[in-house]
Amino acid sequence: MAKNYHVTRRETGYAVVGAGNQRASSVHRTQGEAIAAGRPLAQKAGGELRIHGADNKIRESWSYGSDPFPPKG
């Protein structure tokens, strides 16, 4: 089963958190560093990397798994 990873804002920077995990996989100074660290985790898991904005809403999502319902054409 694919696992999703989230890049979220923390007091000390940005964290990469696996879905369902209580602890962060890693914490970084910048959002760019967190995205760079989270991308290979999501790729290996075949899931998604979801980037959260300052308001904690998902602003961007990248999918790395196989799509069970690809678009036609």
PDB file of N, CA and C in Angstrom:
ATOM      1  N   MET A   1       0.838  -1.182   0.000  1.00  0.00           N
ATOM      2  CA  MET A   1       0.000   0.000   0.000  1.00  0.00           C
ATOM      3  C   MET A   1       0.882   1.243   0.000  1.00  0.00           C
ATOM      4  N   ALA A   2       0.507   2.213  -0.778  1.00  0.00           N
ATOM      5  CA  ALA A   2       1.275   3.454  -0.901  1.00  0.00           C
ATOM      6  C   ALA A   2       1.131   4.299   0.351  1.00  0.00           C
ATOM      7  N   LYS A   3       2.213   4.961   0.709  1.00  0.00           N
ATOM      8  CA  LYS A   3       2.201   5.837   1.877  1.00  0.00           C
ATOM      9  C   LYS A   3       2.425   7.266   1.410  1.00  0.00           C
ATOM     10  N   ASN A   4       1.639   8.172   1.943  1.00  0.00           N
ATOM     11  CA  ASN A   4       1.759   9.585   1.600  1.00  0.00           C
ATOM     12  C   ASN A   4       2.636  10.295   2.626  1.00  0.00           C
ATOM     13  N   TYR A   5       3.336  11.318   2.170  1.00  0.00           N
ATOM     14  CA  TYR A   5       4.175  12.143   3.031  1.00  0.00           C
ATOM     15  C   TYR A   5       3.721  13.591   2.915  1.00  0.00           C
ATOM     16  N   HIS A   6       3.805  14.314   4.024  1.00  0.00           N
ATOM     17  CA  HIS A   6       3.359  15.700   4.095  1.00  0.00           C
ATOM     18  C   HIS A   6       4.512  16.600   4.522  1.00  0.00           C
ATOM     19  N   VAL A   7       4.639  17.757   3.879  1.00  0.00           N
ATOM     20  CA  VAL A   7       5.593  18.785   4.283  1.00  0.00           C
ATOM     21  C   VAL A   7       4.782  19.862   4.994  1.00  0.00           C
ATOM     22  N   THR A   8       5.027  20.013   6.300  1.00  0.00           N
ATOM     23  CA  THR A   8       4.242  20.941   7.116  1.00  0.00           C
ATOM     24  C   THR A   8       5.147  21.925   7.847  1.00  0.00           C
ATOM     25  N   ARG A   9       4.583  23.070   8.187  1.00  0.00           N
ATOM     26  CA  ARG A   9       5.309  24.120   8.914  1.00  0.00           C
ATOM     27  C   ARG A   9       5.396  23.750  10.385  1.00  0.00           C
ATOM     28  N   ARG A  10       6.557  23.977  10.972  1.00  0.00           N
ATOM     29  CA  ARG A  10       6.794  23.798  12.404  1.00  0.00           C
ATOM     30  C   ARG A  10       7.397  25.082  12.954  1.00  0.00           C
ATOM     31  N   GLU A  11       7.492  25.196  14.271  1.00  0.00           N
ATOM     32  CA  GLU A  11       8.102  26.391  14.884  1.00  0.00           C
ATOM     33  C   GLU A  11       9.545  26.572  14.441  1.00  0.00           C
ATOM     34  N   THR A  12      10.249  25.468  14.292  1.00  0.00           N
ATOM     35  CA  THR A  12      11.674  25.528  13.966  1.00  0.00           C
ATOM     36  C   THR A  12      11.975  25.374  12.487  1.00  0.00           C
ATOM     37  N   GLY A  13      10.957  25.301  11.638  1.00  0.00           N
ATOM     38  CA  GLY A  13      11.184  25.145  10.208  1.00  0.00           C
ATOM     39  C   GLY A  13      10.071  24.342   9.571  1.00  0.00           C
ATOM     40  N   TYR A  14      10.450  23.345   8.768  1.00  0.00           N
ATOM     41  CA  TYR A  14       9.484  22.509   8.052  1.00  0.00           C
ATOM     42  C   TYR A  14       9.793  21.044   8.316  1.00  0.00           C
ATOM     43  N   ALA A  15       8.734  20.247   8.458  1.00  0.00           N
ATOM     44  CA  ALA A  15       8.890  18.828   8.764  1.00  0.00           C
ATOM     45  C   ALA A  15       8.323  17.974   7.639  1.00  0.00           C
ATOM     46  N   VAL A  16       8.932  16.814   7.436  1.00  0.00           N
ATOM     47  CA  VAL A  16       8.411  15.790   6.539  1.00  0.00           C
ATOM     48  C   VAL A  16       7.803  14.725   7.445  1.00  0.00           C
ATOM     49  N   VAL A  17       6.487  14.507   7.288  1.00  0.00           N
ATOM     50  CA  VAL A  17       5.770  13.579   8.164  1.00  0.00           C
ATOM     51  C   VAL A  17       5.049  12.547   7.309  1.00  0.00           C
ATOM     52  N   GLY A  18       5.257  11.268   7.618  1.00  0.00           N
ATOM     53  CA  GLY A  18       4.533  10.208   6.938  1.00  0.00           C
ATOM     54  C   GLY A  18       3.105  10.151   7.452  1.00  0.00           C
ATOM     55  N   ALA A  19       2.157   9.876   6.571  1.00  0.00           N
ATOM     56  CA  ALA A  19       0.749   9.790   6.967  1.00  0.00           C
ATOM     57  C   ALA A  19       0.584   8.738   8.059  1.00  0.00           C
ATOM     58  N   GLY A  20      -0.084   9.115   9.127  1.00  0.00           N
ATOM     59  CA  GLY A  20      -0.314   8.208  10.238  1.00  0.00           C
ATOM     60  C   GLY A  20       0.794   8.189  11.282  1.00  0.00           C
ATOM     61  N   ASN A  21       1.899   8.855  11.004  1.00  0.00           N
ATOM     62  CA  ASN A  21       3.007   8.906  11.957  1.00  0.00           C
ATOM     63  C   ASN A  21       2.836  10.073  12.919  1.00  0.00           C
ATOM     64  N   GLN A  22       3.256   9.890  14.145  1.00  0.00           N
ATOM     65  CA  GLN A  22       3.219  10.971  15.119  1.00  0.00           C
ATOM     66  C   GLN A  22       4.491  11.806  15.074  1.00  0.00           C
ATOM     67  N   ARG A  23       5.599  11.163  14.740  1.00  0.00           N
ATOM     68  CA  ARG A  23       6.886  11.863  14.688  1.00  0.00           C
ATOM     69  C   ARG A  23       7.262  12.184  13.254  1.00  0.00           C
ATOM     70  N   ALA A  24       7.995  13.257  13.102  1.00  0.00           N
ATOM     71  CA  ALA A  24       8.459  13.666  11.783  1.00  0.00           C
ATOM     72  C   ALA A  24       9.588  12.749  11.313  1.00  0.00           C
ATOM     73  N   SER A  25       9.618  12.492  10.026  1.00  0.00           N
ATOM     74  CA  SER A  25      10.727  11.732   9.443  1.00  0.00           C
ATOM     75  C   SER A  25      11.991  12.575   9.455  1.00  0.00           C
ATOM     76  N   SER A  26      11.825  13.896   9.218  1.00  0.00           N
ATOM     77  CA  SER A  26      12.955  14.822   9.266  1.00  0.00           C
ATOM     78  C   SER A  26      12.426  16.243   9.412  1.00  0.00           C
ATOM     79  N   VAL A  27      13.286  17.141   9.922  1.00  0.00           N
ATOM     80  CA  VAL A  27      12.943  18.557  10.093  1.00  0.00           C
ATOM     81  C   VAL A  27      14.028  19.384   9.406  1.00  0.00           C
ATOM     82  N   HIS A  28      13.615  20.450   8.694  1.00  0.00           N
ATOM     83  CA  HIS A  28      14.536  21.249   7.883  1.00  0.00           C
ATOM     84  C   HIS A  28      14.301  22.734   8.096  1.00  0.00           C
ATOM     85  N   ARG A  29      15.307  23.534   7.772  1.00  0.00           N
ATOM     86  CA  ARG A  29      15.204  24.991   7.925  1.00  0.00           C
ATOM     87  C   ARG A  29      14.239  25.606   6.934  1.00  0.00           C
ATOM     88  N   THR A  30      14.254  25.125   5.680  1.00  0.00           N
ATOM     89  CA  THR A  30      13.421  25.715   4.637  1.00  0.00           C
ATOM     90  C   THR A  30      12.453  24.684   4.066  1.00  0.00           C
ATOM     91  N   GLN A  31      11.399  25.199   3.433  1.00  0.00           N
ATOM     92  CA  GLN A  31      10.426  24.312   2.812  1.00  0.00           C
ATOM     93  C   GLN A  31      11.058  23.574   1.633  1.00  0.00           C
ATOM     94  N   GLY A  32      11.934  24.236   0.901  1.00  0.00           N
ATOM     95  CA  GLY A  32      12.618  23.600  -0.225  1.00  0.00           C
ATOM     96  C   GLY A  32      13.452  22.403   0.201  1.00  0.00           C
ATOM     97  N   GLU A  33      14.149  22.541   1.324  1.00  0.00           N
ATOM     98  CA  GLU A  33      14.945  21.426   1.848  1.00  0.00           C
ATOM     99  C   GLU A  33      14.044  20.269   2.253  1.00  0.00           C
ATOM    100  N   ALA A  34      12.898  20.584   2.853  1.00  0.00           N
ATOM    101  CA  ALA A  34      11.959  19.541   3.274  1.00  0.00           C
ATOM    102  C   ALA A  34      11.366  18.822   2.065  1.00  0.00           C
ATOM    103  N   ILE A  35      11.048  19.565   1.016  1.00  0.00           N
ATOM    104  CA  ILE A  35      10.521  18.956  -0.206  1.00  0.00           C
ATOM    105  C   ILE A  35      11.563  18.028  -0.818  1.00  0.00           C
ATOM    106  N   ALA A  36      12.814  18.485  -0.870  1.00  0.00           N
ATOM    107  CA  ALA A  36      13.895  17.672  -1.429  1.00  0.00           C
ATOM    108  C   ALA A  36      14.101  16.384  -0.631  1.00  0.00           C
ATOM    109  N   ALA A  37      13.889  16.432   0.687  1.00  0.00           N
ATOM    110  CA  ALA A  37      14.042  15.244   1.521  1.00  0.00           C
ATOM    111  C   ALA A  37      12.823  14.332   1.431  1.00  0.00           C
ATOM    112  N   GLY A  38      11.646  14.909   1.256  1.00  0.00           N
ATOM    113  CA  GLY A  38      10.418  14.123   1.217  1.00  0.00           C
ATOM    114  C   GLY A  38      10.159  13.446  -0.112  1.00  0.00           C
ATOM    115  N   ARG A  39      10.646  14.035  -1.199  1.00  0.00           N
ATOM    116  CA  ARG A  39      10.396  13.493  -2.540  1.00  0.00           C
ATOM    117  C   ARG A  39      10.882  12.043  -2.681  1.00  0.00           C
ATOM    118  N   PRO A  40      12.123  11.689  -2.297  1.00  0.00           N
ATOM    119  CA  PRO A  40      12.547  10.291  -2.457  1.00  0.00           C
ATOM    120  C   PRO A  40      11.765   9.323  -1.562  1.00  0.00           C
ATOM    121  N   LEU A  41      11.309   9.802  -0.401  1.00  0.00           N
ATOM    122  CA  LEU A  41      10.500   8.942   0.471  1.00  0.00           C
ATOM    123  C   LEU A  41       9.173   8.596  -0.194  1.00  0.00           C
ATOM    124  N   ALA A  42       8.516   9.597  -0.780  1.00  0.00           N
ATOM    125  CA  ALA A  42       7.238   9.372  -1.463  1.00  0.00           C
ATOM    126  C   ALA A  42       7.435   8.516  -2.714  1.00  0.00           C
ATOM    127  N   GLN A  43       8.534   8.733  -3.433  1.00  0.00           N
ATOM    128  CA  GLN A  43       8.808   7.938  -4.629  1.00  0.00           C
ATOM    129  C   GLN A  43       9.024   6.478  -4.271  1.00  0.00           C
ATOM    130  N   LYS A  44       9.803   6.217  -3.231  1.00  0.00           N
ATOM    131  CA  LYS A  44      10.081   4.842  -2.813  1.00  0.00           C
ATOM    132  C   LYS A  44       8.812   4.150  -2.332  1.00  0.00           C
ATOM    133  N   ALA A  45       7.933   4.902  -1.645  1.00  0.00           N
ATOM    134  CA  ALA A  45       6.693   4.341  -1.119  1.00  0.00           C
ATOM    135  C   ALA A  45       5.607   4.236  -2.188  1.00  0.00           C
ATOM    136  N   GLY A  46       5.805   4.900  -3.333  1.00  0.00           N
ATOM    137  CA  GLY A  46       4.797   4.892  -4.381  1.00  0.00           C
ATOM    138  C   GLY A  46       3.557   5.682  -4.000  1.00  0.00           C
ATOM    139  N   GLY A  47       3.731   6.707  -3.172  1.00  0.00           N
ATOM    140  CA  GLY A  47       2.608   7.510  -2.688  1.00  0.00           C
ATOM    141  C   GLY A  47       2.635   8.920  -3.222  1.00  0.00           C
ATOM    142  N   GLU A  48       2.172   9.847  -2.393  1.00  0.00           N
ATOM    143  CA  GLU A  48       2.129  11.257  -2.769  1.00  0.00           C
ATOM    144  C   GLU A  48       2.933  12.090  -1.788  1.00  0.00           C
ATOM    145  N   LEU A  49       3.452  13.195  -2.286  1.00  0.00           N
ATOM    146  CA  LEU A  49       4.092  14.200  -1.439  1.00  0.00           C
ATOM    147  C   LEU A  49       3.156  15.398  -1.439  1.00  0.00           C
ATOM    148  N   ARG A  50       2.629  15.734  -0.275  1.00  0.00           N
ATOM    149  CA  ARG A  50       1.663  16.830  -0.155  1.00  0.00           C
ATOM    150  C   ARG A  50       2.323  18.001   0.563  1.00  0.00           C
ATOM    151  N   ILE A  51       2.310  19.157  -0.101  1.00  0.00           N
ATOM    152  CA  ILE A  51       2.948  20.359   0.424  1.00  0.00           C
ATOM    153  C   ILE A  51       1.866  21.237   1.047  1.00  0.00           C
ATOM    154  N   HIS A  52       2.030  21.556   2.332  1.00  0.00           N
ATOM    155  CA  HIS A  52       1.066  22.396   3.045  1.00  0.00           C
ATOM    156  C   HIS A  52       1.568  23.840   3.071  1.00  0.00           C
ATOM    157  N   GLY A  53       0.651  24.781   2.888  1.00  0.00           N
ATOM    158  CA  GLY A  53       0.971  26.195   2.952  1.00  0.00           C
ATOM    159  C   GLY A  53       0.979  26.695   4.391  1.00  0.00           C
ATOM    160  N   ALA A  54       1.151  28.009   4.565  1.00  0.00           N
ATOM    161  CA  ALA A  54       1.196  28.618   5.897  1.00  0.00           C
ATOM    162  C   ALA A  54      -0.117  28.433   6.644  1.00  0.00           C
ATOM    163  N   ASP A  55      -1.234  28.302   5.909  1.00  0.00           N
ATOM    164  CA  ASP A  55      -2.536  28.116   6.547  1.00  0.00           C
ATOM    165  C   ASP A  55      -2.827  26.637   6.839  1.00  0.00           C
ATOM    166  N   ASN A  56      -1.851  25.766   6.614  1.00  0.00           N
ATOM    167  CA  ASN A  56      -1.903  24.323   6.849  1.00  0.00           C
ATOM    168  C   ASN A  56      -2.818  23.591   5.874  1.00  0.00           C
ATOM    169  N   LYS A  57      -3.278  24.262   4.820  1.00  0.00           N
ATOM    170  CA  LYS A  57      -4.055  23.596   3.780  1.00  0.00           C
ATOM    171  C   LYS A  57      -3.096  23.093   2.710  1.00  0.00           C
ATOM    172  N   ILE A  58      -3.450  21.977   2.071  1.00  0.00           N
ATOM    173  CA  ILE A  58      -2.616  21.428   1.013  1.00  0.00           C
ATOM    174  C   ILE A  58      -2.652  22.376  -0.177  1.00  0.00           C
ATOM    175  N   ARG A  59      -1.479  22.861  -0.581  1.00  0.00           N
ATOM    176  CA  ARG A  59      -1.408  23.790  -1.706  1.00  0.00           C
ATOM    177  C   ARG A  59      -0.897  23.121  -2.967  1.00  0.00           C
ATOM    178  N   GLU A  60      -0.252  21.963  -2.799  1.00  0.00           N
ATOM    179  CA  GLU A  60       0.301  21.244  -3.947  1.00  0.00           C
ATOM    180  C   GLU A  60       0.471  19.781  -3.564  1.00  0.00           C
ATOM    181  N   SER A  61       0.307  18.890  -4.538  1.00  0.00           N
ATOM    182  CA  SER A  61       0.450  17.468  -4.289  1.00  0.00           C
ATOM    183  C   SER A  61       1.093  16.810  -5.499  1.00  0.00           C
ATOM    184  N   TRP A  62       2.099  15.982  -5.258  1.00  0.00           N
ATOM    185  CA  TRP A  62       2.790  15.262  -6.324  1.00  0.00           C
ATOM    186  C   TRP A  62       2.590  13.768  -6.110  1.00  0.00           C
ATOM    187  N   SER A  63       2.166  13.063  -7.131  1.00  0.00           N
ATOM    188  CA  SER A  63       1.893  11.636  -7.057  1.00  0.00           C
ATOM    189  C   SER A  63       3.022  10.857  -7.725  1.00  0.00           C
ATOM    190  N   TYR A  64       3.479   9.800  -7.068  1.00  0.00           N
ATOM    191  CA  TYR A  64       4.570   8.977  -7.596  1.00  0.00           C
ATOM    192  C   TYR A  64       4.179   7.520  -7.787  1.00  0.00           C
ATOM    193  N   GLY A  65       2.969   7.156  -7.435  1.00  0.00           N
ATOM    194  CA  GLY A  65       2.546   5.763  -7.596  1.00  0.00           C
ATOM    195  C   GLY A  65       1.887   5.531  -8.934  1.00  0.00           C
ATOM    196  N   SER A  66       1.495   4.296  -9.171  1.00  0.00           N
ATOM    197  CA  SER A  66       0.768   3.994 -10.401  1.00  0.00           C
ATOM    198  C   SER A  66      -0.695   4.384 -10.190  1.00  0.00           C
ATOM    199  N   ASP A  67      -1.265   5.006 -11.194  1.00  0.00           N
ATOM    200  CA  ASP A  67      -2.630   5.499 -11.114  1.00  0.00           C
ATOM    201  C   ASP A  67      -3.597   4.382 -11.544  1.00  0.00           C
ATOM    202  N   PRO A  68      -4.484   3.919 -10.648  1.00  0.00           N
ATOM    203  CA  PRO A  68      -5.389   2.845 -11.015  1.00  0.00           C
ATOM    204  C   PRO A  68      -6.480   3.297 -12.004  1.00  0.00           C
ATOM    205  N   PHE A  69      -6.687   4.607 -12.135  1.00  0.00           N
ATOM    206  CA  PHE A  69      -7.704   5.129 -13.043  1.00  0.00           C
ATOM    207  C   PHE A  69      -7.091   6.219 -13.929  1.00  0.00           C
ATOM    208  N   PRO A  70      -6.182   5.857 -14.825  1.00  0.00           N
ATOM    209  CA  PRO A  70      -5.573   6.878 -15.674  1.00  0.00           C
ATOM    210  C   PRO A  70      -6.604   7.481 -16.637  1.00  0.00           C
ATOM    211  N   PRO A  71      -6.432   8.727 -17.019  1.00  0.00           N
ATOM    212  CA  PRO A  71      -7.373   9.351 -17.956  1.00  0.00           C
ATOM    213  C   PRO A  71      -7.264   8.728 -19.351  1.00  0.00           C
ATOM    214  N   LYS A  72      -8.363   8.726 -20.073  1.00  0.00           N
ATOM    215  CA  LYS A  72      -8.363   8.195 -21.433  1.00  0.00           C
ATOM    216  C   LYS A  72      -7.788   9.227 -22.401  1.00  0.00           C
ATOM    217  N   GLY A  73      -7.135   8.738 -23.431  1.00  0.00           N
ATOM    218  CA  GLY A  73      -6.669   9.628 -24.496  1.00  0.00           C
ATOM    219  C   GLY A  73      -5.305  10.012 -24.322  1.00  0.00           C
TER     220      GLY A  73
END
